[in-house]
């Protein structure tokens, strides 16, 4: 359990190319090189669906500026096609792993909303909806809210 109430679950992608597998340890090394104290995410979903532990749930993550406290951060490996363009690269195994960890965290934290990193971009036009033209990043390269609403199909 965290030391703070969980208000949201945020899904990210590693922004690595399709088929390129990376571990939580590798991501942690990237983040340490950037001067961070630890890996920014709480959970990593590998290409084969394995879920690796990142930062402790009791620690505030480092994944969306201004939205870290009160969030559980989950990242799936991928998000870019072979040319480096944004793409939903989730394997069926990753979808299953994402569903598992989101379901577990939702049950543990009283069903907070689940969203993608891009959904936390500022609403620049003030209409109450963060639209594609307002995204700071495309991460996680799929519509998390819609996927969850559909029951997280594999």
Foldseek 3Di string as FASTA:
>chain_A
DAPAAAQEEAEFEPLDEAPDWDDLVRQQVVVVVVVDPWRQAQWEQTQQQDIDGTDPRHDFGDDAVPPRPNYHYYYYYHQAYPVSHGAPRRDQSNLVSVLVVLVVVCVVRVRHYYFYNQQPFDPVVPPPGRDPVRGPDCTPRDGPNVCVVVVSHD
